[in-house]
Amino acid sequence: MIVQRVVLNSRPGKNGVPMAENFRLEQSTIADTVQAGQVRVKTLYLSVDPYMRCRMNEDTGSDYLQPWQLSEVADGGGIGVVEESKHQNLAKGDFVTSFTWPWQTVAILDGNSLQKLVPQLVNGRLSYFLGAAGITGLTALLGIREKGHVAVGANQTMVVSGAAGACGSLAGQIGRLEGCSRVVGIAGTDEKCSILVQEMGFDAAINYKKGDVAKQLRELCPGGVDVYFDNVGGDISDAVISQMNQNSHIILCGQISQYNKDVPYPPPLPADTEKIRKEKNITRERFLVLNYMDKQEASVLQLCQWIQEGKLKVRTFRFNLWPLILFPTMRGLISLSLALLLCLRIEQTF
């Protein structure tokens, strides 16, 4: 059977910006028959996420991430429908997902590597299992629960950087649901800031491209910052940390501003910022959601319940281009994804 797939064509270098030329769209073939324990699946959704920038390097800088190999198919979070099955627990028509889904139209996979999905849990929006009810939502929820030390009635203020991203927009809402009394987001346009406040329930939002971020934080967080959900790192995080309270907490989710730089993870803070962190006893520990998979099932059910109740809002933009659906959640990869996958149908989380 002939399929289309996306392979890594070249590496951008540790300090390079990803380009469309780093990938290649090509035809390939898969077996016509399915072996015992296998299933043939049609790809419905793929996820493009910030961590994938590290996989474009020869060395990912992490012991839990494997680099993509040149001229080999890329992979990541994906969802598909079973077309043929020789696995005892999966049948034709079942919807399934995997963290290592190949970027190709049709694939033959080991049935044991797949998780069966229940569309009713997300009101039929299967793509949510890669977003709000998937690893993105789990990252936001478990990050807050495991590293945020949020307590109902404690009158805590949370700040979220990258607040208009897939994870950030959920984190702000979950922070409120978990007990934060005030939630402030940081985003890059007035439109995004408006959506955060008017649709996502944030108390306020800062356009970091306009004005002094530290000054605006002082005005919007008069009692200081108790919890910081950090998606971006860099100057934005330095500004937030300068406003944090004694014994406060940083949820170190991502450092998007640093991913095209050859720096260790997590990137060290500037000396002045690190001095503030130590003097105020601010926790800043690396957070990896995969370390908490024993809490996955209960957490996914919680996320699905909030979605069904309308307490957790998800905003998506859909671009109709081909039979796949892509979630470009990393701005640095959006342009190359669009340029490369011109024939793909793309759905983008807000």
C-alpha atoms as a PDB file:
ATOM      1  CA  MET A   1       0.000   0.000   0.000  1.00  0.00           C
ATOM      2  CA  ILE A   2       1.284   3.459  -0.915  1.00  0.00           C
ATOM      3  CA  VAL A   3       1.187   6.099   1.849  1.00  0.00           C
ATOM      4  CA  GLN A   4       2.428   9.637   2.290  1.00  0.00           C
ATOM      5  CA  ARG A   5       4.754  10.444   5.156  1.00  0.00           C
ATOM      6  CA  VAL A   6       6.855  13.256   6.604  1.00  0.00           C
ATOM      7  CA  VAL A   7      10.547  12.572   7.238  1.00  0.00           C
ATOM      8  CA  LEU A   8      13.361  14.605   8.754  1.00  0.00           C
ATOM      9  CA  ASN A   9      15.356  15.926   5.804  1.00  0.00           C
ATOM     10  CA  SER A  10      18.043  17.910   7.644  1.00  0.00           C
ATOM     11  CA  ARG A  11      18.831  19.337  11.056  1.00  0.00           C
ATOM     12  CA  PRO A  12      18.610  23.072  11.809  1.00  0.00           C
ATOM     13  CA  GLY A  13      21.493  22.940  14.282  1.00  0.00           C
ATOM     14  CA  LYS A  14      21.209  23.587  17.997  1.00  0.00           C
ATOM     15  CA  ASN A  15      21.220  27.359  17.507  1.00  0.00           C
ATOM     16  CA  GLY A  16      19.256  27.372  14.255  1.00  0.00           C
ATOM     17  CA  VAL A  17      15.643  28.229  13.524  1.00  0.00           C
ATOM     18  CA  PRO A  18      13.616  25.336  12.044  1.00  0.00           C
ATOM     19  CA  MET A  19      12.740  25.740   8.372  1.00  0.00           C
ATOM     20  CA  ALA A  20      10.393  23.889   6.040  1.00  0.00           C
ATOM     21  CA  GLU A  21      13.458  22.489   4.277  1.00  0.00           C
ATOM     22  CA  ASN A  22      14.299  20.494   7.409  1.00  0.00           C
ATOM     23  CA  PHE A  23      11.409  18.180   6.522  1.00  0.00           C
ATOM     24  CA  ARG A  24      10.382  16.292   3.401  1.00  0.00           C
ATOM     25  CA  LEU A  25       7.016  14.966   2.287  1.00  0.00           C
ATOM     26  CA  GLU A  26       7.384  11.684   0.390  1.00  0.00           C
ATOM     27  CA  GLN A  27       5.603   8.534  -0.702  1.00  0.00           C
ATOM     28  CA  SER A  28       6.374   5.198   0.902  1.00  0.00           C
ATOM     29  CA  THR A  29       4.859   1.733   1.084  1.00  0.00           C
ATOM     30  CA  ILE A  30       3.549  -0.414   3.910  1.00  0.00           C
ATOM     31  CA  ALA A  31       2.667  -4.116   3.940  1.00  0.00           C
ATOM     32  CA  ASP A  32      -0.666  -5.172   2.475  1.00  0.00           C
ATOM     33  CA  THR A  33      -1.279  -7.620   5.308  1.00  0.00           C
ATOM     34  CA  VAL A  34      -1.582  -7.178   9.064  1.00  0.00           C
ATOM     35  CA  GLN A  35       0.221  -9.649  11.329  1.00  0.00           C
ATOM     36  CA  ALA A  36      -1.020 -11.084  14.623  1.00  0.00           C
ATOM     37  CA  GLY A  37      -1.187  -8.401  17.311  1.00  0.00           C
ATOM     38  CA  GLN A  38      -1.086  -5.568  14.774  1.00  0.00           C
ATOM     39  CA  VAL A  39      -3.620  -3.076  13.472  1.00  0.00           C
ATOM     40  CA  ARG A  40      -3.766  -0.910  10.378  1.00  0.00           C
ATOM     41  CA  VAL A  41      -4.789   2.618  11.240  1.00  0.00           C
ATOM     42  CA  LYS A  42      -5.729   5.709   9.275  1.00  0.00           C
ATOM     43  CA  THR A  43      -4.255   8.876  10.736  1.00  0.00           C
ATOM     44  CA  LEU A  44      -6.775  11.523  11.768  1.00  0.00           C
ATOM     45  CA  TYR A  45      -4.833  13.901  14.027  1.00  0.00           C
ATOM     46  CA  LEU A  46      -1.182  14.680  14.699  1.00  0.00           C
ATOM     47  CA  SER A  47       0.300  16.964  17.308  1.00  0.00           C
ATOM     48  CA  VAL A  48       3.226  19.351  16.744  1.00  0.00           C
ATOM     49  CA  ASP A  49       4.593  20.396  20.124  1.00  0.00           C
ATOM     50  CA  PRO A  50       7.470  22.483  21.510  1.00  0.00           C
ATOM     51  CA  TYR A  51       9.535  19.504  22.695  1.00  0.00           C
ATOM     52  CA  MET A  52       9.874  18.370  19.088  1.00  0.00           C
ATOM     53  CA  ARG A  53      12.406  21.127  18.464  1.00  0.00           C
ATOM     54  CA  CYS A  54      14.799  19.142  20.671  1.00  0.00           C
ATOM     55  CA  ARG A  55      14.150  15.994  18.631  1.00  0.00           C
ATOM     56  CA  MET A  56      15.443  17.751  15.533  1.00  0.00           C
ATOM     57  CA  ASN A  57      18.947  17.737  17.060  1.00  0.00           C
ATOM     58  CA  GLU A  58      21.356  14.798  17.069  1.00  0.00           C
ATOM     59  CA  ASP A  59      21.356  15.045  20.855  1.00  0.00           C
ATOM     60  CA  THR A  60      18.012  16.010  22.398  1.00  0.00           C
ATOM     61  CA  GLY A  61      19.658  17.021  25.664  1.00  0.00           C
ATOM     62  CA  SER A  62      17.251  14.736  27.506  1.00  0.00           C
ATOM     63  CA  ASP A  63      17.381  11.099  28.537  1.00  0.00           C
ATOM     64  CA  TYR A  64      13.668  10.557  27.880  1.00  0.00           C
ATOM     65  CA  LEU A  65      13.548  11.993  24.328  1.00  0.00           C
ATOM     66  CA  GLN A  66      14.985  10.214  21.316  1.00  0.00           C
ATOM     67  CA  PRO A  67      16.170  12.277  18.330  1.00  0.00           C
ATOM     68  CA  TRP A  68      14.440  11.943  14.983  1.00  0.00           C
ATOM     69  CA  GLN A  69      16.705  10.250  12.481  1.00  0.00           C
ATOM     70  CA  LEU A  70      17.501  11.732   9.075  1.00  0.00           C
ATOM     71  CA  SER A  71      15.337  10.355   6.241  1.00  0.00           C
ATOM     72  CA  GLU A  72      13.168   8.536   8.804  1.00  0.00           C
ATOM     73  CA  VAL A  73       9.510   9.272   9.480  1.00  0.00           C
ATOM     74  CA  ALA A  74       8.833  11.769  12.260  1.00  0.00           C
ATOM     75  CA  ASP A  75       6.523  10.781  15.109  1.00  0.00           C
ATOM     76  CA  GLY A  76       4.680  12.195  18.094  1.00  0.00           C
ATOM     77  CA  GLY A  77       1.236  12.305  19.629  1.00  0.00           C
ATOM     78  CA  GLY A  78      -1.408  11.115  17.212  1.00  0.00           C
ATOM     79  CA  ILE A  79      -4.938   9.782  16.843  1.00  0.00           C
ATOM     80  CA  GLY A  80      -6.363   7.462  14.229  1.00  0.00           C
ATOM     81  CA  VAL A  81      -9.110   4.998  13.414  1.00  0.00           C
ATOM     82  CA  VAL A  82      -8.579   1.247  13.103  1.00  0.00           C
ATOM     83  CA  GLU A  83      -9.169  -0.010   9.559  1.00  0.00           C
ATOM     84  CA  GLU A  84      -8.117  -3.627  10.121  1.00  0.00           C
ATOM     85  CA  SER A  85      -7.217  -5.466  13.307  1.00  0.00           C
ATOM     86  CA  LYS A  86      -5.567  -8.679  14.390  1.00  0.00           C
ATOM     87  CA  HIS A  87      -5.353  -7.537  18.006  1.00  0.00           C
ATOM     88  CA  GLN A  88      -7.745  -9.092  20.501  1.00  0.00           C
ATOM     89  CA  ASN A  89      -8.685  -5.809  22.196  1.00  0.00           C
ATOM     90  CA  LEU A  90      -9.089  -3.595  19.141  1.00  0.00           C
ATOM     91  CA  ALA A  91     -11.687  -3.754  16.381  1.00  0.00           C
ATOM     92  CA  LYS A  92     -12.321  -2.013  13.084  1.00  0.00           C
ATOM     93  CA  GLY A  93     -13.749   1.448  13.751  1.00  0.00           C
ATOM     94  CA  ASP A  94     -12.084   1.925  17.144  1.00  0.00           C
ATOM     95  CA  PHE A  95     -10.374   5.265  17.743  1.00  0.00           C
ATOM     96  CA  VAL A  96      -6.868   4.943  19.175  1.00  0.00           C
ATOM     97  CA  THR A  97      -3.960   7.128  20.220  1.00  0.00           C
ATOM     98  CA  SER A  98      -0.223   6.892  20.883  1.00  0.00           C
ATOM     99  CA  PHE A  99       2.659   9.156  21.946  1.00  0.00           C
ATOM    100  CA  THR A 100       4.764   7.721  19.098  1.00  0.00           C
ATOM    101  CA  TRP A 101       2.375   7.979  16.177  1.00  0.00           C
ATOM    102  CA  PRO A 102       4.181   8.131  12.795  1.00  0.00           C
ATOM    103  CA  TRP A 103       3.578  11.172  10.611  1.00  0.00           C
ATOM    104  CA  GLN A 104       2.035   9.263   7.724  1.00  0.00           C
ATOM    105  CA  THR A 105      -1.423   8.798   6.258  1.00  0.00           C
ATOM    106  CA  VAL A 106      -1.811   5.097   7.079  1.00  0.00           C
ATOM    107  CA  ALA A 107       0.337   2.902   9.319  1.00  0.00           C
ATOM    108  CA  ILE A 108       0.578  -0.632  10.669  1.00  0.00           C
ATOM    109  CA  LEU A 109       1.184  -0.498  14.417  1.00  0.00           C
ATOM    110  CA  ASP A 110       1.549  -2.855  17.358  1.00  0.00           C
ATOM    111  CA  GLY A 111      -1.851  -2.913  19.032  1.00  0.00           C
ATOM    112  CA  ASN A 112      -0.222  -3.022  22.470  1.00  0.00           C
ATOM    113  CA  SER A 113       1.277   0.436  21.834  1.00  0.00           C
ATOM    114  CA  LEU A 114      -2.157   2.000  21.369  1.00  0.00           C
ATOM    115  CA  GLN A 115      -4.711   3.340  23.803  1.00  0.00           C
ATOM    116  CA  LYS A 116      -8.397   3.061  22.924  1.00  0.00           C
ATOM    117  CA  LEU A 117     -10.359   6.306  23.114  1.00  0.00           C
ATOM    118  CA  VAL A 118     -13.948   7.005  24.180  1.00  0.00           C
ATOM    119  CA  PRO A 119     -15.199   9.964  22.068  1.00  0.00           C
ATOM    120  CA  GLN A 120     -18.194  10.538  24.354  1.00  0.00           C
ATOM    121  CA  LEU A 121     -15.858  11.737  27.104  1.00  0.00           C
ATOM    122  CA  VAL A 122     -15.052  14.852  25.045  1.00  0.00           C
ATOM    123  CA  ASN A 123     -18.447  15.305  23.410  1.00  0.00           C
ATOM    124  CA  GLY A 124     -17.149  13.725  20.219  1.00  0.00           C
ATOM    125  CA  ARG A 125     -14.212  16.124  19.768  1.00  0.00           C
ATOM    126  CA  LEU A 126     -11.513  13.501  19.273  1.00  0.00           C
ATOM    127  CA  SER A 127      -8.780  16.095  18.806  1.00  0.00           C
ATOM    128  CA  TYR A 128      -9.224  17.089  22.451  1.00  0.00           C
ATOM    129  CA  PHE A 129      -7.400  13.875  23.393  1.00  0.00           C
ATOM    130  CA  LEU A 130      -4.240  15.516  22.017  1.00  0.00           C
ATOM    131  CA  GLY A 131      -5.014  18.782  23.760  1.00  0.00           C
ATOM    132  CA  ALA A 132      -7.274  19.591  26.684  1.00  0.00           C
ATOM    133  CA  ALA A 133      -7.952  15.930  27.525  1.00  0.00           C
ATOM    134  CA  GLY A 134      -4.523  14.697  26.479  1.00  0.00           C
ATOM    135  CA  ILE A 135      -0.894  15.289  27.337  1.00  0.00           C
ATOM    136  CA  THR A 136      -1.375  19.072  27.133  1.00  0.00           C
ATOM    137  CA  GLY A 137      -4.195  19.111  29.655  1.00  0.00           C
ATOM    138  CA  LEU A 138      -2.378  16.605  31.846  1.00  0.00           C
ATOM    139  CA  THR A 139       0.703  18.833  31.842  1.00  0.00           C
ATOM    140  CA  ALA A 140      -1.348  21.810  32.986  1.00  0.00           C
ATOM    141  CA  LEU A 141      -3.346  19.944  35.627  1.00  0.00           C
ATOM    142  CA  LEU A 142      -0.565  17.814  37.088  1.00  0.00           C
ATOM    143  CA  GLY A 143       1.906  20.692  36.936  1.00  0.00           C
ATOM    144  CA  ILE A 144      -0.397  22.805  39.063  1.00  0.00           C
ATOM    145  CA  ARG A 145      -1.221  19.988  41.458  1.00  0.00           C
ATOM    146  CA  GLU A 146       2.309  18.637  41.850  1.00  0.00           C
ATOM    147  CA  LYS A 147       4.403  21.821  41.709  1.00  0.00           C
ATOM    148  CA  GLY A 148       2.054  24.758  42.225  1.00  0.00           C
ATOM    149  CA  HIS A 149       0.971  24.111  45.819  1.00  0.00           C
ATOM    150  CA  VAL A 150      -2.388  25.743  45.119  1.00  0.00           C
ATOM    151  CA  ALA A 151      -4.781  25.691  48.065  1.00  0.00           C
ATOM    152  CA  VAL A 152      -8.446  26.669  48.125  1.00  0.00           C
ATOM    153  CA  GLY A 153      -8.983  29.762  50.258  1.00  0.00           C
ATOM    154  CA  ALA A 154      -5.313  30.756  50.309  1.00  0.00           C
ATOM    155  CA  ASN A 155      -5.964  33.877  48.192  1.00  0.00           C
ATOM    156  CA  GLN A 156      -3.184  33.004  45.747  1.00  0.00           C
ATOM    157  CA  THR A 157      -2.315  34.864  42.554  1.00  0.00           C
ATOM    158  CA  MET A 158      -1.148  32.858  39.550  1.00  0.00           C
ATOM    159  CA  VAL A 159       0.662  34.250  36.518  1.00  0.00           C
ATOM    160  CA  VAL A 160       0.870  32.240  33.287  1.00  0.00           C
ATOM    161  CA  SER A 161       3.359  33.028  30.524  1.00  0.00           C
ATOM    162  CA  GLY A 162       2.603  31.773  27.030  1.00  0.00           C
ATOM    163  CA  ALA A 163      -0.968  32.061  28.277  1.00  0.00           C
ATOM    164  CA  ALA A 164      -2.532  31.967  24.810  1.00  0.00           C
ATOM    165  CA  GLY A 165      -0.859  28.669  23.966  1.00  0.00           C
ATOM    166  CA  ALA A 166      -2.437  25.238  24.177  1.00  0.00           C
ATOM    167  CA  CYS A 167      -1.026  24.536  27.645  1.00  0.00           C
ATOM    168  CA  GLY A 168      -1.081  28.080  29.016  1.00  0.00           C
ATOM    169  CA  SER A 169      -4.735  28.726  28.209  1.00  0.00           C
ATOM    170  CA  LEU A 170      -5.663  25.545  30.074  1.00  0.00           C
ATOM    171  CA  ALA A 171      -3.304  26.223  32.988  1.00  0.00           C
ATOM    172  CA  GLY A 172      -4.923  29.557  33.763  1.00  0.00           C
ATOM    173  CA  GLN A 173      -8.381  28.036  33.819  1.00  0.00           C
ATOM    174  CA  ILE A 174      -7.257  25.046  35.872  1.00  0.00           C
ATOM    175  CA  GLY A 175      -5.483  27.332  38.328  1.00  0.00           C
ATOM    176  CA  ARG A 176      -8.802  29.022  38.951  1.00  0.00           C
ATOM    177  CA  LEU A 177     -10.652  25.697  39.258  1.00  0.00           C
ATOM    178  CA  GLU A 178      -8.044  24.441  41.717  1.00  0.00           C
ATOM    179  CA  GLY A 179      -8.417  27.476  43.981  1.00  0.00           C
ATOM    180  CA  CYS A 180      -6.407  30.492  42.794  1.00  0.00           C
ATOM    181  CA  SER A 181      -8.254  33.729  43.521  1.00  0.00           C
ATOM    182  CA  ARG A 182      -6.554  35.719  40.750  1.00  0.00           C
ATOM    183  CA  VAL A 183      -5.104  34.615  37.407  1.00  0.00           C
ATOM    184  CA  VAL A 184      -3.082  36.874  35.084  1.00  0.00           C
ATOM    185  CA  GLY A 185      -1.877  35.797  31.667  1.00  0.00           C
ATOM    186  CA  ILE A 186       0.954  37.041  29.466  1.00  0.00           C
ATOM    187  CA  ALA A 187       0.530  36.801  25.683  1.00  0.00           C
ATOM    188  CA  GLY A 188       1.788  38.465  22.516  1.00  0.00           C
ATOM    189  CA  THR A 189      -1.195  40.317  21.010  1.00  0.00           C
ATOM    190  CA  ASP A 190      -4.096  42.424  22.215  1.00  0.00           C
ATOM    191  CA  GLU A 191      -6.515  39.972  20.589  1.00  0.00           C
ATOM    192  CA  LYS A 192      -5.106  37.048  22.551  1.00  0.00           C
ATOM    193  CA  CYS A 193      -5.201  39.041  25.771  1.00  0.00           C
ATOM    194  CA  SER A 194      -8.836  39.935  25.113  1.00  0.00           C
ATOM    195  CA  ILE A 195      -9.774  36.289  24.529  1.00  0.00           C
ATOM    196  CA  LEU A 196      -8.004  35.217  27.722  1.00  0.00           C
ATOM    197  CA  VAL A 197     -10.073  37.633  29.774  1.00  0.00           C
ATOM    198  CA  GLN A 198     -13.404  37.502  27.962  1.00  0.00           C
ATOM    199  CA  GLU A 199     -13.550  33.790  27.116  1.00  0.00           C
ATOM    200  CA  MET A 200     -11.051  31.933  29.277  1.00  0.00           C
ATOM    201  CA  GLY A 201     -11.844  33.584  32.599  1.00  0.00           C
ATOM    202  CA  PHE A 202      -8.459  35.209  33.292  1.00  0.00           C
ATOM    203  CA  ASP A 203      -8.726  38.278  35.524  1.00  0.00           C
ATOM    204  CA  ALA A 204      -6.267  40.221  33.372  1.00  0.00           C
ATOM    205  CA  ALA A 205      -3.734  39.747  30.596  1.00  0.00           C
ATOM    206  CA  ILE A 206      -0.538  41.537  29.576  1.00  0.00           C
ATOM    207  CA  ASN A 207       0.656  42.036  26.012  1.00  0.00           C
ATOM    208  CA  TYR A 208       4.389  41.613  26.569  1.00  0.00           C
ATOM    209  CA  LYS A 209       5.117  43.423  23.329  1.00  0.00           C
ATOM    210  CA  LYS A 210       3.625  46.610  24.736  1.00  0.00           C
ATOM    211  CA  GLY A 211       4.963  48.436  27.753  1.00  0.00           C
ATOM    212  CA  ASP A 212       6.958  47.352  30.772  1.00  0.00           C
ATOM    213  CA  VAL A 213       5.937  43.835  31.821  1.00  0.00           C
ATOM    214  CA  ALA A 214       7.277  44.195  35.382  1.00  0.00           C
ATOM    215  CA  LYS A 215       5.412  47.465  35.847  1.00  0.00           C
ATOM    216  CA  GLN A 216       2.164  45.977  34.568  1.00  0.00           C
ATOM    217  CA  LEU A 217       2.602  42.981  36.855  1.00  0.00           C
ATOM    218  CA  ARG A 218       2.957  45.264  39.857  1.00  0.00           C
ATOM    219  CA  GLU A 219      -0.300  46.951  38.911  1.00  0.00           C
ATOM    220  CA  LEU A 220      -2.231  43.768  38.140  1.00  0.00           C
ATOM    221  CA  CYS A 221      -0.800  41.677  40.994  1.00  0.00           C
ATOM    222  CA  PRO A 222      -0.718  44.134  43.920  1.00  0.00           C
ATOM    223  CA  GLY A 223      -0.288  41.287  46.399  1.00  0.00           C
ATOM    224  CA  GLY A 224       2.587  39.781  44.455  1.00  0.00           C
ATOM    225  CA  VAL A 225       2.740  36.455  42.627  1.00  0.00           C
ATOM    226  CA  ASP A 226       2.326  33.156  44.482  1.00  0.00           C
ATOM    227  CA  VAL A 227       2.350  30.684  41.577  1.00  0.00           C
ATOM    228  CA  TYR A 228       4.048  31.138  38.204  1.00  0.00           C
ATOM    229  CA  PHE A 229       3.232  28.703  35.386  1.00  0.00           C
ATOM    230  CA  ASP A 230       6.310  29.223  33.224  1.00  0.00           C
ATOM    231  CA  ASN A 231       6.074  28.244  29.562  1.00  0.00           C
ATOM    232  CA  VAL A 232       8.592  30.629  28.027  1.00  0.00           C
ATOM    233  CA  GLY A 233      11.614  31.477  30.202  1.00  0.00           C
ATOM    234  CA  GLY A 234      13.890  34.370  29.245  1.00  0.00           C
ATOM    235  CA  ASP A 235      13.174  38.031  29.989  1.00  0.00           C
ATOM    236  CA  ILE A 236       9.466  37.414  30.639  1.00  0.00           C
ATOM    237  CA  SER A 237      10.229  34.950  33.399  1.00  0.00           C
ATOM    238  CA  ASP A 238      12.816  37.272  34.914  1.00  0.00           C
ATOM    239  CA  ALA A 239      10.143  39.965  35.144  1.00  0.00           C
ATOM    240  CA  VAL A 240       7.650  37.610  36.793  1.00  0.00           C
ATOM    241  CA  ILE A 241      10.158  36.207  39.280  1.00  0.00           C
ATOM    242  CA  SER A 242      11.005  39.744  40.382  1.00  0.00           C
ATOM    243  CA  GLN A 243       7.381  40.095  41.543  1.00  0.00           C
ATOM    244  CA  MET A 244       7.071  36.746  43.322  1.00  0.00           C
ATOM    245  CA  ASN A 245       6.355  36.403  47.019  1.00  0.00           C
ATOM    246  CA  GLN A 246       8.307  34.651  49.759  1.00  0.00           C
ATOM    247  CA  ASN A 247       7.967  30.845  49.568  1.00  0.00           C
ATOM    248  CA  SER A 248       6.198  31.005  46.216  1.00  0.00           C
ATOM    249  CA  HIS A 249       6.379  28.417  43.428  1.00  0.00           C
ATOM    250  CA  ILE A 250       7.419  28.246  39.774  1.00  0.00           C
ATOM    251  CA  ILE A 251       5.873  25.466  37.695  1.00  0.00           C
ATOM    252  CA  LEU A 252       8.655  24.897  35.184  1.00  0.00           C
ATOM    253  CA  CYS A 253       6.607  23.633  32.252  1.00  0.00           C
ATOM    254  CA  GLY A 254       8.586  24.918  29.273  1.00  0.00           C
ATOM    255  CA  GLN A 255      11.195  27.427  28.104  1.00  0.00           C
ATOM    256  CA  ILE A 256      10.065  28.119  24.555  1.00  0.00           C
ATOM    257  CA  SER A 257      12.146  31.269  24.172  1.00  0.00           C
ATOM    258  CA  GLN A 258      15.286  29.167  24.673  1.00  0.00           C
ATOM    259  CA  TYR A 259      14.610  26.153  22.439  1.00  0.00           C
ATOM    260  CA  ASN A 260      16.588  27.481  19.472  1.00  0.00           C
ATOM    261  CA  LYS A 261      19.628  28.090  21.685  1.00  0.00           C
ATOM    262  CA  ASP A 262      22.312  25.658  22.781  1.00  0.00           C
ATOM    263  CA  VAL A 263      21.693  25.911  26.523  1.00  0.00           C
ATOM    264  CA  PRO A 264      21.102  23.246  29.183  1.00  0.00           C
ATOM    265  CA  TYR A 265      17.583  22.478  30.359  1.00  0.00           C
ATOM    266  CA  PRO A 266      16.327  24.011  32.471  1.00  0.00           C
ATOM    267  CA  PRO A 267      18.270  27.100  31.404  1.00  0.00           C
ATOM    268  CA  PRO A 268      20.068  28.751  34.327  1.00  0.00           C
ATOM    269  CA  LEU A 269      18.598  32.029  35.542  1.00  0.00           C
ATOM    270  CA  PRO A 270      20.580  35.281  35.288  1.00  0.00           C
ATOM    271  CA  ALA A 271      22.564  36.001  38.453  1.00  0.00           C
ATOM    272  CA  ASP A 272      20.242  38.790  39.668  1.00  0.00           C
ATOM    273  CA  THR A 273      17.136  36.671  39.113  1.00  0.00           C
ATOM    274  CA  GLU A 274      18.684  33.643  40.789  1.00  0.00           C
ATOM    275  CA  LYS A 275      19.568  35.819  43.772  1.00  0.00           C
ATOM    276  CA  ILE A 276      15.912  36.845  44.107  1.00  0.00           C
ATOM    277  CA  ARG A 277      14.798  33.232  43.802  1.00  0.00           C
ATOM    278  CA  LYS A 278      17.115  32.082  46.576  1.00  0.00           C
ATOM    279  CA  GLU A 279      16.400  35.002  48.904  1.00  0.00           C
ATOM    280  CA  LYS A 280      12.651  34.439  48.601  1.00  0.00           C
ATOM    281  CA  ASN A 281      12.903  30.640  48.737  1.00  0.00           C
ATOM    282  CA  ILE A 282      11.056  30.282  45.429  1.00  0.00           C
ATOM    283  CA  THR A 283      10.847  26.678  44.227  1.00  0.00           C
ATOM    284  CA  ARG A 284      11.834  26.054  40.595  1.00  0.00           C
ATOM    285  CA  GLU A 285      12.006  22.347  39.910  1.00  0.00           C
ATOM    286  CA  ARG A 286      11.956  20.622  36.560  1.00  0.00           C
ATOM    287  CA  PHE A 287       8.504  19.220  35.849  1.00  0.00           C
ATOM    288  CA  LEU A 288       8.018  16.189  33.592  1.00  0.00           C
ATOM    289  CA  VAL A 289       4.427  14.998  33.219  1.00  0.00           C
ATOM    290  CA  LEU A 290       5.582  11.493  32.234  1.00  0.00           C
ATOM    291  CA  ASN A 291       6.753  11.009  35.823  1.00  0.00           C
ATOM    292  CA  TYR A 292       3.126  11.132  36.977  1.00  0.00           C
ATOM    293  CA  MET A 293       1.475   8.642  34.623  1.00  0.00           C
ATOM    294  CA  ASP A 294       0.096   6.717  37.608  1.00  0.00           C
ATOM    295  CA  LYS A 295      -2.319   9.655  37.919  1.00  0.00           C
ATOM    296  CA  GLN A 296      -3.140   9.803  34.215  1.00  0.00           C
ATOM    297  CA  GLU A 297      -6.488   8.007  34.200  1.00  0.00           C
ATOM    298  CA  ALA A 298      -8.030   9.958  37.069  1.00  0.00           C
ATOM    299  CA  SER A 299      -6.655  13.239  35.729  1.00  0.00           C
ATOM    300  CA  VAL A 300      -8.004  12.657  32.207  1.00  0.00           C
ATOM    301  CA  LEU A 301     -11.432  11.906  33.659  1.00  0.00           C
ATOM    302  CA  GLN A 302     -11.267  15.139  35.643  1.00  0.00           C
ATOM    303  CA  LEU A 303     -10.352  17.120  32.520  1.00  0.00           C
ATOM    304  CA  CYS A 304     -13.163  15.476  30.541  1.00  0.00           C
ATOM    305  CA  GLN A 305     -15.659  16.268  33.294  1.00  0.00           C
ATOM    306  CA  TRP A 306     -14.662  19.944  33.247  1.00  0.00           C
ATOM    307  CA  ILE A 307     -14.987  19.984  29.449  1.00  0.00           C
ATOM    308  CA  GLN A 308     -18.449  18.422  29.572  1.00  0.00           C
ATOM    309  CA  GLU A 309     -19.539  20.883  32.248  1.00  0.00           C
ATOM    310  CA  GLY A 310     -18.242  23.841  30.253  1.00  0.00           C
ATOM    311  CA  LYS A 311     -15.775  24.765  32.985  1.00  0.00           C
ATOM    312  CA  LEU A 312     -12.740  24.173  30.772  1.00  0.00           C
ATOM    313  CA  LYS A 313     -12.953  26.061  27.493  1.00  0.00           C
ATOM    314  CA  VAL A 314     -10.970  25.059  24.415  1.00  0.00           C
ATOM    315  CA  ARG A 315     -10.579  27.318  21.400  1.00  0.00           C
ATOM    316  CA  THR A 316      -9.479  25.948  18.029  1.00  0.00           C
ATOM    317  CA  PHE A 317      -8.907  27.286  14.521  1.00  0.00           C
ATOM    318  CA  ARG A 318      -9.347  24.889  11.603  1.00  0.00           C
ATOM    319  CA  PHE A 319      -7.583  25.029   8.253  1.00  0.00           C
ATOM    320  CA  ASN A 320      -8.823  22.560   5.653  1.00  0.00           C
ATOM    321  CA  LEU A 321      -5.909  21.302   3.610  1.00  0.00           C
ATOM    322  CA  TRP A 322      -5.647  17.423   3.473  1.00  0.00           C
ATOM    323  CA  PRO A 323      -6.781  14.223   5.301  1.00  0.00           C
ATOM    324  CA  LEU A 324      -4.609  14.776   8.372  1.00  0.00           C
ATOM    325  CA  ILE A 325      -5.129  17.257  11.170  1.00  0.00           C
ATOM    326  CA  LEU A 326      -2.149  18.930  12.782  1.00  0.00           C
ATOM    327  CA  PHE A 327      -1.942  20.822  16.083  1.00  0.00           C
ATOM    328  CA  PRO A 328       0.797  23.468  15.704  1.00  0.00           C
ATOM    329  CA  THR A 329       1.176  24.521  19.315  1.00  0.00           C
ATOM    330  CA  MET A 330       4.721  25.812  18.879  1.00  0.00           C
ATOM    331  CA  ARG A 331       4.959  29.104  17.039  1.00  0.00           C
ATOM    332  CA  GLY A 332       8.468  28.316  15.867  1.00  0.00           C
ATOM    333  CA  LEU A 333       7.164  25.239  14.076  1.00  0.00           C
ATOM    334  CA  ILE A 334       3.888  26.619  12.740  1.00  0.00           C
ATOM    335  CA  SER A 335       5.405  28.238   9.667  1.00  0.00           C
ATOM    336  CA  LEU A 336       7.434  25.173   8.710  1.00  0.00           C
ATOM    337  CA  SER A 337       4.430  22.928   9.329  1.00  0.00           C
ATOM    338  CA  LEU A 338       2.268  25.020   7.047  1.00  0.00           C
ATOM    339  CA  ALA A 339       4.967  25.319   4.413  1.00  0.00           C
ATOM    340  CA  LEU A 340       5.781  21.619   4.441  1.00  0.00           C
ATOM    341  CA  LEU A 341       2.360  20.083   4.871  1.00  0.00           C
ATOM    342  CA  LEU A 342       0.581  22.178   2.259  1.00  0.00           C
ATOM    343  CA  CYS A 343      -1.803  19.335   1.583  1.00  0.00           C
ATOM    344  CA  LEU A 344      -2.705  18.726   5.215  1.00  0.00           C
ATOM    345  CA  ARG A 345      -5.863  19.694   7.012  1.00  0.00           C
ATOM    346  CA  ILE A 346      -4.754  21.637  10.072  1.00  0.00           C
ATOM    347  CA  GLU A 347      -6.477  22.362  13.361  1.00  0.00           C
ATOM    348  CA  GLN A 348      -4.705  24.730  15.727  1.00  0.00           C
ATOM    349  CA  THR A 349      -5.403  25.089  19.418  1.00  0.00           C
ATOM    350  CA  PHE A 350      -5.675  28.646  20.684  1.00  0.00           C
END
